[in-house]
Amino acid sequence: MSDAEDRELDRRIEERARHLWEAAGKPKGQMDEFREEARQLIALEEDPKFATRPVKEATADTDGAESGIALENQGEFPTLTDQGETTAEPKWPRQRNDDGT
């Protein structure tokens, strides 16, 4: 990249960062974060496929099967039922009479 192109890129980054900063309500001391976000946005605009990678084909040894870890973790996902919703409420012991009944 030439010096002129570098200066143009820096100008675009600063301009985008300023717009992001203003849209966020002009928070103090956070301009570096907005510059980084602007840098990433501009990079994605210039080459949207840069951050993508092709899906790997299944190899002969896996044959497209899921790994054992995926099967082990299968039962660890939360459900729509909260804990304790399906269990009965605890029963208190019946009060006994003085004669023990």
PDB file of N, CA and C in Angstrom:
ATOM      1  N   MET A   1       0.834  -1.162   0.000  1.00  0.00           N
ATOM      2  CA  MET A   1       0.000   0.000   0.000  1.00  0.00           C
ATOM      3  C   MET A   1       0.892   1.243   0.000  1.00  0.00           C
ATOM      4  N   SER A   2       0.514   2.209  -0.793  1.00  0.00           N
ATOM      5  CA  SER A   2       1.301   3.443  -0.857  1.00  0.00           C
ATOM      6  C   SER A   2       0.938   4.351   0.315  1.00  0.00           C
ATOM      7  N   ASP A   3       1.743   5.394   0.495  1.00  0.00           N
ATOM      8  CA  ASP A   3       1.481   6.350   1.574  1.00  0.00           C
ATOM      9  C   ASP A   3       0.124   7.039   1.390  1.00  0.00           C
ATOM     10  N   ALA A   4      -0.205   7.347   0.143  1.00  0.00           N
ATOM     11  CA  ALA A   4      -1.484   8.006  -0.132  1.00  0.00           C
ATOM     12  C   ALA A   4      -2.648   7.076   0.226  1.00  0.00           C
ATOM     13  N   GLU A   5      -2.501   5.794  -0.101  1.00  0.00           N
ATOM     14  CA  GLU A   5      -3.556   4.831   0.240  1.00  0.00           C
ATOM     15  C   GLU A   5      -3.664   4.633   1.745  1.00  0.00           C
ATOM     16  N   ASP A   6      -2.529   4.624   2.430  1.00  0.00           N
ATOM     17  CA  ASP A   6      -2.539   4.517   3.893  1.00  0.00           C
ATOM     18  C   ASP A   6      -3.247   5.704   4.537  1.00  0.00           C
ATOM     19  N   ARG A   7      -2.951   6.901   4.039  1.00  0.00           N
ATOM     20  CA  ARG A   7      -3.590   8.100   4.583  1.00  0.00           C
ATOM     21  C   ARG A   7      -5.093   8.081   4.324  1.00  0.00           C
ATOM     22  N   GLU A   8      -5.492   7.624   3.131  1.00  0.00           N
ATOM     23  CA  GLU A   8      -6.920   7.548   2.800  1.00  0.00           C
ATOM     24  C   GLU A   8      -7.617   6.524   3.705  1.00  0.00           C
ATOM     25  N   LEU A   9      -6.977   5.397   3.943  1.00  0.00           N
ATOM     26  CA  LEU A   9      -7.556   4.377   4.830  1.00  0.00           C
ATOM     27  C   LEU A   9      -7.672   4.919   6.255  1.00  0.00           C
ATOM     28  N   ASP A  10      -6.645   5.596   6.736  1.00  0.00           N
ATOM     29  CA  ASP A  10      -6.690   6.188   8.079  1.00  0.00           C
ATOM     30  C   ASP A  10      -7.815   7.220   8.194  1.00  0.00           C
ATOM     31  N   ARG A  11      -7.992   8.003   7.136  1.00  0.00           N
ATOM     32  CA  ARG A  11      -9.060   9.009   7.136  1.00  0.00           C
ATOM     33  C   ARG A  11     -10.428   8.335   7.209  1.00  0.00           C
ATOM     34  N   ARG A  12     -10.609   7.259   6.432  1.00  0.00           N
ATOM     35  CA  ARG A  12     -11.882   6.532   6.445  1.00  0.00           C
ATOM     36  C   ARG A  12     -12.138   5.903   7.811  1.00  0.00           C
ATOM     37  N   ILE A  13     -11.103   5.346   8.420  1.00  0.00           N
ATOM     38  CA  ILE A  13     -11.247   4.734   9.739  1.00  0.00           C
ATOM     39  C   ILE A  13     -11.643   5.780  10.770  1.00  0.00           C
ATOM     40  N   GLU A  14     -10.974   6.929  10.759  1.00  0.00           N
ATOM     41  CA  GLU A  14     -11.289   7.994  11.711  1.00  0.00           C
ATOM     42  C   GLU A  14     -12.712   8.507  11.514  1.00  0.00           C
ATOM     43  N   GLU A  15     -13.116   8.652  10.257  1.00  0.00           N
ATOM     44  CA  GLU A  15     -14.461   9.139   9.976  1.00  0.00           C
ATOM     45  C   GLU A  15     -15.508   8.132  10.458  1.00  0.00           C
ATOM     46  N   ARG A  16     -15.292   6.854  10.182  1.00  0.00           N
ATOM     47  CA  ARG A  16     -16.233   5.819  10.633  1.00  0.00           C
ATOM     48  C   ARG A  16     -16.254   5.741  12.152  1.00  0.00           C
ATOM     49  N   ALA A  17     -15.083   5.832  12.779  1.00  0.00           N
ATOM     50  CA  ALA A  17     -15.007   5.776  14.242  1.00  0.00           C
ATOM     51  C   ALA A  17     -15.760   6.948  14.861  1.00  0.00           C
ATOM     52  N   ARG A  18     -15.637   8.117  14.255  1.00  0.00           N
ATOM     53  CA  ARG A  18     -16.342   9.292  14.772  1.00  0.00           C
ATOM     54  C   ARG A  18     -17.849   9.102  14.673  1.00  0.00           C
ATOM     55  N   HIS A  19     -18.320   8.536  13.551  1.00  0.00           N
ATOM     56  CA  HIS A  19     -19.758   8.282  13.396  1.00  0.00           C
ATOM     57  C   HIS A  19     -20.245   7.257  14.430  1.00  0.00           C
ATOM     58  N   LEU A  20     -19.478   6.205  14.646  1.00  0.00           N
ATOM     59  CA  LEU A  20     -19.846   5.191  15.645  1.00  0.00           C
ATOM     60  C   LEU A  20     -19.868   5.792  17.047  1.00  0.00           C
ATOM     61  N   TRP A  21     -18.866   6.631  17.324  1.00  0.00           N
ATOM     62  CA  TRP A  21     -18.751   7.280  18.637  1.00  0.00           C
ATOM     63  C   TRP A  21     -19.934   8.202  18.896  1.00  0.00           C
ATOM     64  N   GLU A  22     -20.301   8.979  17.873  1.00  0.00           N
ATOM     65  CA  GLU A  22     -21.443   9.890  18.007  1.00  0.00           C
ATOM     66  C   GLU A  22     -22.743   9.106  18.175  1.00  0.00           C
ATOM     67  N   ALA A  23     -22.900   8.008  17.434  1.00  0.00           N
ATOM     68  CA  ALA A  23     -24.108   7.195  17.536  1.00  0.00           C
ATOM     69  C   ALA A  23     -24.236   6.541  18.912  1.00  0.00           C
ATOM     70  N   ALA A  24     -23.099   6.323  19.579  1.00  0.00           N
ATOM     71  CA  ALA A  24     -23.108   5.710  20.912  1.00  0.00           C
ATOM     72  C   ALA A  24     -23.272   6.742  22.019  1.00  0.00           C
ATOM     73  N   GLY A  25     -23.439   8.000  21.663  1.00  0.00           N
ATOM     74  CA  GLY A  25     -23.661   9.039  22.668  1.00  0.00           C
ATOM     75  C   GLY A  25     -22.394   9.732  23.126  1.00  0.00           C
ATOM     76  N   LYS A  26     -21.326   9.638  22.350  1.00  0.00           N
ATOM     77  CA  LYS A  26     -20.042  10.295  22.624  1.00  0.00           C
ATOM     78  C   LYS A  26     -19.457   9.947  23.999  1.00  0.00           C
ATOM     79  N   PRO A  27     -19.305   8.659  24.307  1.00  0.00           N
ATOM     80  CA  PRO A  27     -18.726   8.292  25.606  1.00  0.00           C
ATOM     81  C   PRO A  27     -17.259   8.696  25.685  1.00  0.00           C
ATOM     82  N   LYS A  28     -16.865   9.159  26.859  1.00  0.00           N
ATOM     83  CA  LYS A  28     -15.490   9.639  27.040  1.00  0.00           C
ATOM     84  C   LYS A  28     -14.517   8.475  27.182  1.00  0.00           C
ATOM     85  N   GLY A  29     -13.331   8.636  26.603  1.00  0.00           N
ATOM     86  CA  GLY A  29     -12.245   7.686  26.780  1.00  0.00           C
ATOM     87  C   GLY A  29     -12.405   6.360  26.068  1.00  0.00           C
ATOM     88  N   GLN A  30     -13.304   6.280  25.097  1.00  0.00           N
ATOM     89  CA  GLN A  30     -13.513   5.010  24.406  1.00  0.00           C
ATOM     90  C   GLN A  30     -13.248   5.093  22.906  1.00  0.00           C
ATOM     91  N   MET A  31     -12.571   6.123  22.470  1.00  0.00           N
ATOM     92  CA  MET A  31     -12.359   6.310  21.041  1.00  0.00           C
ATOM     93  C   MET A  31     -11.521   5.177  20.441  1.00  0.00           C
ATOM     94  N   ASP A  32     -10.590   4.612  21.209  1.00  0.00           N
ATOM     95  CA  ASP A  32      -9.773   3.517  20.677  1.00  0.00           C
ATOM     96  C   ASP A  32     -10.630   2.311  20.310  1.00  0.00           C
ATOM     97  N   GLU A  33     -11.645   2.012  21.132  1.00  0.00           N
ATOM     98  CA  GLU A  33     -12.536   0.895  20.825  1.00  0.00           C
ATOM     99  C   GLU A  33     -13.327   1.158  19.544  1.00  0.00           C
ATOM    100  N   PHE A  34     -13.747   2.407  19.359  1.00  0.00           N
ATOM    101  CA  PHE A  34     -14.492   2.745  18.146  1.00  0.00           C
ATOM    102  C   PHE A  34     -13.589   2.722  16.920  1.00  0.00           C
ATOM    103  N   ARG A  35     -12.319   3.097  17.081  1.00  0.00           N
ATOM    104  CA  ARG A  35     -11.376   3.006  15.957  1.00  0.00           C
ATOM    105  C   ARG A  35     -11.169   1.547  15.554  1.00  0.00           C
ATOM    106  N   GLU A  36     -11.034   0.671  16.521  1.00  0.00           N
ATOM    107  CA  GLU A  36     -10.848  -0.743  16.224  1.00  0.00           C
ATOM    108  C   GLU A  36     -12.080  -1.321  15.535  1.00  0.00           C
ATOM    109  N   GLU A  37     -13.256  -0.968  16.018  1.00  0.00           N
ATOM    110  CA  GLU A  37     -14.487  -1.432  15.379  1.00  0.00           C
ATOM    111  C   GLU A  37     -14.586  -0.907  13.952  1.00  0.00           C
ATOM    112  N   ALA A  38     -14.243   0.348  13.750  1.00  0.00           N
ATOM    113  CA  ALA A  38     -14.274   0.943  12.410  1.00  0.00           C
ATOM    114  C   ALA A  38     -13.269   0.242  11.503  1.00  0.00           C
ATOM    115  N   ARG A  39     -12.089  -0.064  12.023  1.00  0.00           N
ATOM    116  CA  ARG A  39     -11.056  -0.761  11.250  1.00  0.00           C
ATOM    117  C   ARG A  39     -11.572  -2.125  10.785  1.00  0.00           C
ATOM    118  N   GLN A  40     -12.244  -2.836  11.681  1.00  0.00           N
ATOM    119  CA  GLN A  40     -12.785  -4.152  11.329  1.00  0.00           C
ATOM    120  C   GLN A  40     -13.918  -4.048  10.310  1.00  0.00           C
ATOM    121  N   LEU A  41     -14.794  -3.073  10.490  1.00  0.00           N
ATOM    122  CA  LEU A  41     -15.906  -2.897   9.559  1.00  0.00           C
ATOM    123  C   LEU A  41     -15.413  -2.564   8.155  1.00  0.00           C
ATOM    124  N   ILE A  42     -14.440  -1.699   8.069  1.00  0.00           N
ATOM    125  CA  ILE A  42     -13.906  -1.322   6.760  1.00  0.00           C
ATOM    126  C   ILE A  42     -13.195  -2.499   6.116  1.00  0.00           C
ATOM    127  N   ALA A  43     -12.464  -3.281   6.903  1.00  0.00           N
ATOM    128  CA  ALA A  43     -11.794  -4.459   6.362  1.00  0.00           C
ATOM    129  C   ALA A  43     -12.810  -5.459   5.812  1.00  0.00           C
ATOM    130  N   LEU A  44     -13.919  -5.647   6.520  1.00  0.00           N
ATOM    131  CA  LEU A  44     -14.960  -6.553   6.033  1.00  0.00           C
ATOM    132  C   LEU A  44     -15.642  -6.025   4.781  1.00  0.00           C
ATOM    133  N   GLU A  45     -15.808  -4.719   4.705  1.00  0.00           N
ATOM    134  CA  GLU A  45     -16.416  -4.131   3.512  1.00  0.00           C
ATOM    135  C   GLU A  45     -15.520  -4.322   2.289  1.00  0.00           C
ATOM    136  N   GLU A  46     -14.222  -4.178   2.497  1.00  0.00           N
ATOM    137  CA  GLU A  46     -13.291  -4.294   1.374  1.00  0.00           C
ATOM    138  C   GLU A  46     -13.124  -5.734   0.908  1.00  0.00           C
ATOM    139  N   ASP A  47     -13.155  -6.692   1.823  1.00  0.00           N
ATOM    140  CA  ASP A  47     -12.982  -8.096   1.458  1.00  0.00           C
ATOM    141  C   ASP A  47     -13.867  -8.964   2.348  1.00  0.00           C
ATOM    142  N   PRO A  48     -15.159  -9.084   2.015  1.00  0.00           N
ATOM    143  CA  PRO A  48     -16.081  -9.807   2.888  1.00  0.00           C
ATOM    144  C   PRO A  48     -15.753 -11.291   3.045  1.00  0.00           C
ATOM    145  N   LYS A  49     -15.040 -11.880   2.113  1.00  0.00           N
ATOM    146  CA  LYS A  49     -14.726 -13.303   2.203  1.00  0.00           C
ATOM    147  C   LYS A  49     -13.449 -13.580   2.988  1.00  0.00           C
ATOM    148  N   PHE A  50     -12.759 -12.540   3.425  1.00  0.00           N
ATOM    149  CA  PHE A  50     -11.495 -12.722   4.137  1.00  0.00           C
ATOM    150  C   PHE A  50     -11.683 -13.509   5.434  1.00  0.00           C
ATOM    151  N   ALA A  51     -12.775 -13.275   6.124  1.00  0.00           N
ATOM    152  CA  ALA A  51     -12.987 -13.901   7.429  1.00  0.00           C
ATOM    153  C   ALA A  51     -13.684 -15.252   7.333  1.00  0.00           C
ATOM    154  N   THR A  52     -13.931 -15.723   6.142  1.00  0.00           N
ATOM    155  CA  THR A  52     -14.598 -17.014   6.000  1.00  0.00           C
ATOM    156  C   THR A  52     -13.590 -18.089   5.640  1.00  0.00           C
ATOM    157  N   ARG A  53     -13.926 -19.319   5.951  1.00  0.00           N
ATOM    158  CA  ARG A  53     -13.076 -20.423   5.540  1.00  0.00           C
ATOM    159  C   ARG A  53     -13.970 -21.542   5.027  1.00  0.00           C
ATOM    160  N   PRO A  54     -13.456 -22.323   4.111  1.00  0.00           N
ATOM    161  CA  PRO A  54     -14.288 -23.383   3.548  1.00  0.00           C
ATOM    162  C   PRO A  54     -14.544 -24.490   4.561  1.00  0.00           C
ATOM    163  N   VAL A  55     -15.658 -25.156   4.402  1.00  0.00           N
ATOM    164  CA  VAL A  55     -15.996 -26.279   5.259  1.00  0.00           C
ATOM    165  C   VAL A  55     -15.126 -27.461   4.853  1.00  0.00           C
ATOM    166  N   LYS A  56     -14.541 -28.125   5.848  1.00  0.00           N
ATOM    167  CA  LYS A  56     -13.694 -29.271   5.541  1.00  0.00           C
ATOM    168  C   LYS A  56     -14.562 -30.456   5.145  1.00  0.00           C
ATOM    169  N   GLU A  57     -14.091 -31.182   4.195  1.00  0.00           N
ATOM    170  CA  GLU A  57     -14.775 -32.399   3.776  1.00  0.00           C
ATOM    171  C   GLU A  57     -14.529 -33.487   4.812  1.00  0.00           C
ATOM    172  N   ALA A  58     -15.440 -34.437   4.918  1.00  0.00           N
ATOM    173  CA  ALA A  58     -15.274 -35.553   5.842  1.00  0.00           C
ATOM    174  C   ALA A  58     -14.119 -36.423   5.349  1.00  0.00           C
ATOM    175  N   THR A  59     -13.284 -36.834   6.270  1.00  0.00           N
ATOM    176  CA  THR A  59     -12.166 -37.695   5.905  1.00  0.00           C
ATOM    177  C   THR A  59     -12.594 -39.146   5.981  1.00  0.00           C
ATOM    178  N   ALA A  60     -11.779 -40.006   5.450  1.00  0.00           N
ATOM    179  CA  ALA A  60     -12.108 -41.433   5.402  1.00  0.00           C
ATOM    180  C   ALA A  60     -12.252 -42.024   6.799  1.00  0.00           C
ATOM    181  N   ASP A  61     -11.457 -41.535   7.773  1.00  0.00           N
ATOM    182  CA  ASP A  61     -11.510 -42.126   9.108  1.00  0.00           C
ATOM    183  C   ASP A  61     -12.744 -41.682   9.899  1.00  0.00           C
ATOM    184  N   THR A  62     -13.317 -40.519   9.595  1.00  0.00           N
ATOM    185  CA  THR A  62     -14.516 -40.106  10.327  1.00  0.00           C
ATOM    186  C   THR A  62     -15.783 -40.462   9.575  1.00  0.00           C
ATOM    187  N   ASP A  63     -15.716 -40.513   8.263  1.00  0.00           N
ATOM    188  CA  ASP A  63     -16.860 -40.891   7.445  1.00  0.00           C
ATOM    189  C   ASP A  63     -18.085 -40.035   7.705  1.00  0.00           C
ATOM    190  N   GLY A  64     -17.901 -38.825   8.159  1.00  0.00           N
ATOM    191  CA  GLY A  64     -19.017 -37.927   8.400  1.00  0.00           C
ATOM    192  C   GLY A  64     -19.732 -38.172   9.717  1.00  0.00           C
ATOM    193  N   ALA A  65     -19.270 -39.101  10.527  1.00  0.00           N
ATOM    194  CA  ALA A  65     -19.925 -39.389  11.796  1.00  0.00           C
ATOM    195  C   ALA A  65     -19.546 -38.346  12.837  1.00  0.00           C
ATOM    196  N   GLU A  66     -20.452 -38.125  13.777  1.00  0.00           N
ATOM    197  CA  GLU A  66     -20.156 -37.182  14.852  1.00  0.00           C
ATOM    198  C   GLU A  66     -19.148 -37.788  15.806  1.00  0.00           C
ATOM    199  N   SER A  67     -18.397 -36.935  16.432  1.00  0.00           N
ATOM    200  CA  SER A  67     -17.413 -37.429  17.387  1.00  0.00           C
ATOM    201  C   SER A  67     -18.107 -37.904  18.660  1.00  0.00           C
ATOM    202  N   GLY A  68     -17.387 -38.656  19.448  1.00  0.00           N
ATOM    203  CA  GLY A  68     -17.936 -39.154  20.701  1.00  0.00           C
ATOM    204  C   GLY A  68     -18.270 -38.035  21.661  1.00  0.00           C
ATOM    205  N   ILE A  69     -17.532 -36.936  21.602  1.00  0.00           N
ATOM    206  CA  ILE A  69     -17.788 -35.809  22.505  1.00  0.00           C
ATOM    207  C   ILE A  69     -19.171 -35.217  22.221  1.00  0.00           C
ATOM    208  N   ALA A  70     -19.528 -35.120  20.959  1.00  0.00           N
ATOM    209  CA  ALA A  70     -20.844 -34.581  20.618  1.00  0.00           C
ATOM    210  C   ALA A  70     -21.942 -35.470  21.187  1.00  0.00           C
ATOM    211  N   LEU A  71     -21.744 -36.760  21.142  1.00  0.00           N
ATOM    212  CA  LEU A  71     -22.752 -37.667  21.677  1.00  0.00           C
ATOM    213  C   LEU A  71     -22.788 -37.620  23.195  1.00  0.00           C
ATOM    214  N   GLU A  72     -21.624 -37.463  23.830  1.00  0.00           N
ATOM    215  CA  GLU A  72     -21.590 -37.369  25.292  1.00  0.00           C
ATOM    216  C   GLU A  72     -22.327 -36.136  25.782  1.00  0.00           C
ATOM    217  N   ASN A  73     -22.179 -35.041  25.079  1.00  0.00           N
ATOM    218  CA  ASN A  73     -22.778 -33.777  25.498  1.00  0.00           C
ATOM    219  C   ASN A  73     -24.254 -33.675  25.129  1.00  0.00           C
ATOM    220  N   GLN A  74     -24.786 -34.660  24.469  1.00  0.00           N
ATOM    221  CA  GLN A  74     -26.139 -34.589  23.968  1.00  0.00           C
ATOM    222  C   GLN A  74     -27.171 -34.345  25.064  1.00  0.00           C
ATOM    223  N   GLY A  75     -26.974 -34.919  26.228  1.00  0.00           N
ATOM    224  CA  GLY A  75     -27.959 -34.770  27.283  1.00  0.00           C
ATOM    225  C   GLY A  75     -27.737 -33.587  28.193  1.00  0.00           C
ATOM    226  N   GLU A  76     -26.784 -32.718  27.899  1.00  0.00           N
ATOM    227  CA  GLU A  76     -26.455 -31.625  28.803  1.00  0.00           C
ATOM    228  C   GLU A  76     -27.129 -30.307  28.440  1.00  0.00           C
ATOM    229  N   PHE A  77     -27.986 -30.300  27.467  1.00  0.00           N
ATOM    230  CA  PHE A  77     -28.619 -29.059  27.075  1.00  0.00           C
ATOM    231  C   PHE A  77     -29.834 -28.785  27.962  1.00  0.00           C
ATOM    232  N   PRO A  78     -30.094 -27.535  28.280  1.00  0.00           N
ATOM    233  CA  PRO A  78     -31.238 -27.218  29.139  1.00  0.00           C
ATOM    234  C   PRO A  78     -32.547 -27.509  28.420  1.00  0.00           C
ATOM    235  N   THR A  79     -33.567 -27.717  29.203  1.00  0.00           N
ATOM    236  CA  THR A  79     -34.893 -27.976  28.646  1.00  0.00           C
ATOM    237  C   THR A  79     -35.800 -26.800  28.947  1.00  0.00           C
ATOM    238  N   LEU A  80     -37.017 -26.888  28.482  1.00  0.00           N
ATOM    239  CA  LEU A  80     -37.985 -25.828  28.741  1.00  0.00           C
ATOM    240  C   LEU A  80     -38.587 -25.943  30.134  1.00  0.00           C
ATOM    241  N   THR A  81     -38.337 -27.048  30.807  1.00  0.00           N
ATOM    242  CA  THR A  81     -38.871 -27.273  32.142  1.00  0.00           C
ATOM    243  C   THR A  81     -37.845 -26.843  33.173  1.00  0.00           C
ATOM    244  N   ASP A  82     -38.269 -26.057  34.131  1.00  0.00           N
ATOM    245  CA  ASP A  82     -37.372 -25.651  35.204  1.00  0.00           C
ATOM    246  C   ASP A  82     -37.145 -26.816  36.149  1.00  0.00           C
ATOM    247  N   GLN A  83     -36.052 -26.739  36.888  1.00  0.00           N
ATOM    248  CA  GLN A  83     -35.790 -27.781  37.871  1.00  0.00           C
ATOM    249  C   GLN A  83     -36.913 -27.815  38.882  1.00  0.00           C
ATOM    250  N   GLY A  84     -37.360 -29.000  39.211  1.00  0.00           N
ATOM    251  CA  GLY A  84     -38.359 -29.154  40.235  1.00  0.00           C
ATOM    252  C   GLY A  84     -39.789 -29.059  39.746  1.00  0.00           C
ATOM    253  N   GLU A  85     -40.023 -28.655  38.503  1.00  0.00           N
ATOM    254  CA  GLU A  85     -41.394 -28.531  38.018  1.00  0.00           C
ATOM    255  C   GLU A  85     -42.060 -29.886  37.851  1.00  0.00           C
ATOM    256  N   THR A  86     -41.281 -30.899  37.551  1.00  0.00           N
ATOM    257  CA  THR A  86     -41.884 -32.201  37.295  1.00  0.00           C
ATOM    258  C   THR A  86     -41.936 -33.070  38.542  1.00  0.00           C
ATOM    259  N   THR A  87     -41.329 -32.636  39.633  1.00  0.00           N
ATOM    260  CA  THR A  87     -41.365 -33.434  40.855  1.00  0.00           C
ATOM    261  C   THR A  87     -42.520 -32.986  41.731  1.00  0.00           C
ATOM    262  N   ALA A  88     -43.039 -33.925  42.472  1.00  0.00           N
ATOM    263  CA  ALA A  88     -44.154 -33.611  43.363  1.00  0.00           C
ATOM    264  C   ALA A  88     -43.665 -32.794  44.547  1.00  0.00           C
ATOM    265  N   GLU A  89     -44.550 -32.026  45.108  1.00  0.00           N
ATOM    266  CA  GLU A  89     -44.175 -31.234  46.275  1.00  0.00           C
ATOM    267  C   GLU A  89     -43.924 -32.165  47.453  1.00  0.00           C
ATOM    268  N   PRO A  90     -43.054 -31.790  48.353  1.00  0.00           N
ATOM    269  CA  PRO A  90     -42.789 -32.665  49.496  1.00  0.00           C
ATOM    270  C   PRO A  90     -44.028 -32.772  50.372  1.00  0.00           C
ATOM    271  N   LYS A  91     -44.224 -33.956  50.901  1.00  0.00           N
ATOM    272  CA  LYS A  91     -45.379 -34.187  51.769  1.00  0.00           C
ATOM    273  C   LYS A  91     -44.903 -34.158  53.207  1.00  0.00           C
ATOM    274  N   TRP A  92     -45.609 -33.409  54.012  1.00  0.00           N
ATOM    275  CA  TRP A  92     -45.287 -33.338  55.426  1.00  0.00           C
ATOM    276  C   TRP A  92     -45.909 -34.540  56.138  1.00  0.00           C
ATOM    277  N   PRO A  93     -45.236 -35.046  57.122  1.00  0.00           N
ATOM    278  CA  PRO A  93     -45.821 -36.183  57.831  1.00  0.00           C
ATOM    279  C   PRO A  93     -47.134 -35.769  58.493  1.00  0.00           C
ATOM    280  N   ARG A  94     -48.053 -36.735  58.529  1.00  0.00           N
ATOM    281  CA  ARG A  94     -49.332 -36.448  59.167  1.00  0.00           C
ATOM    282  C   ARG A  94     -49.108 -36.208  60.643  1.00  0.00           C
ATOM    283  N   GLN A  95     -49.883 -35.336  61.166  1.00  0.00           N
ATOM    284  CA  GLN A  95     -49.784 -35.111  62.606  1.00  0.00           C
ATOM    285  C   GLN A  95     -50.432 -36.267  63.348  1.00  0.00           C
ATOM    286  N   ARG A  96     -49.785 -36.698  64.357  1.00  0.00           N
ATOM    287  CA  ARG A  96     -50.305 -37.818  65.136  1.00  0.00           C
ATOM    288  C   ARG A  96     -51.117 -37.304  66.317  1.00  0.00           C
ATOM    289  N   ASN A  97     -52.042 -38.090  66.630  1.00  0.00           N
ATOM    290  CA  ASN A  97     -52.841 -37.796  67.833  1.00  0.00           C
ATOM    291  C   ASN A  97     -52.038 -38.240  69.060  1.00  0.00           C
ATOM    292  N   ASP A  98     -52.522 -37.867  70.196  1.00  0.00           N
ATOM    293  CA  ASP A  98     -51.847 -38.258  71.420  1.00  0.00           C
ATOM    294  C   ASP A  98     -51.771 -39.769  71.611  1.00  0.00           C
ATOM    295  N   ASP A  99     -52.722 -40.489  71.032  1.00  0.00           N
ATOM    296  CA  ASP A  99     -52.704 -41.925  71.208  1.00  0.00           C
ATOM    297  C   ASP A  99     -51.797 -42.622  70.170  1.00  0.00           C
ATOM    298  N   GLY A 100     -51.093 -41.851  69.304  1.00  0.00           N
ATOM    299  CA  GLY A 100     -50.137 -42.411  68.363  1.00  0.00           C
ATOM    300  C   GLY A 100     -50.722 -42.731  67.003  1.00  0.00           C
ATOM    301  N   THR A 101     -51.999 -42.483  66.784  1.00  0.00           N
ATOM    302  CA  THR A 101     -52.615 -42.784  65.480  1.00  0.00           C
ATOM    303  C   THR A 101     -52.617 -41.593  64.595  1.00  0.00           C
TER     304      THR A 101
END
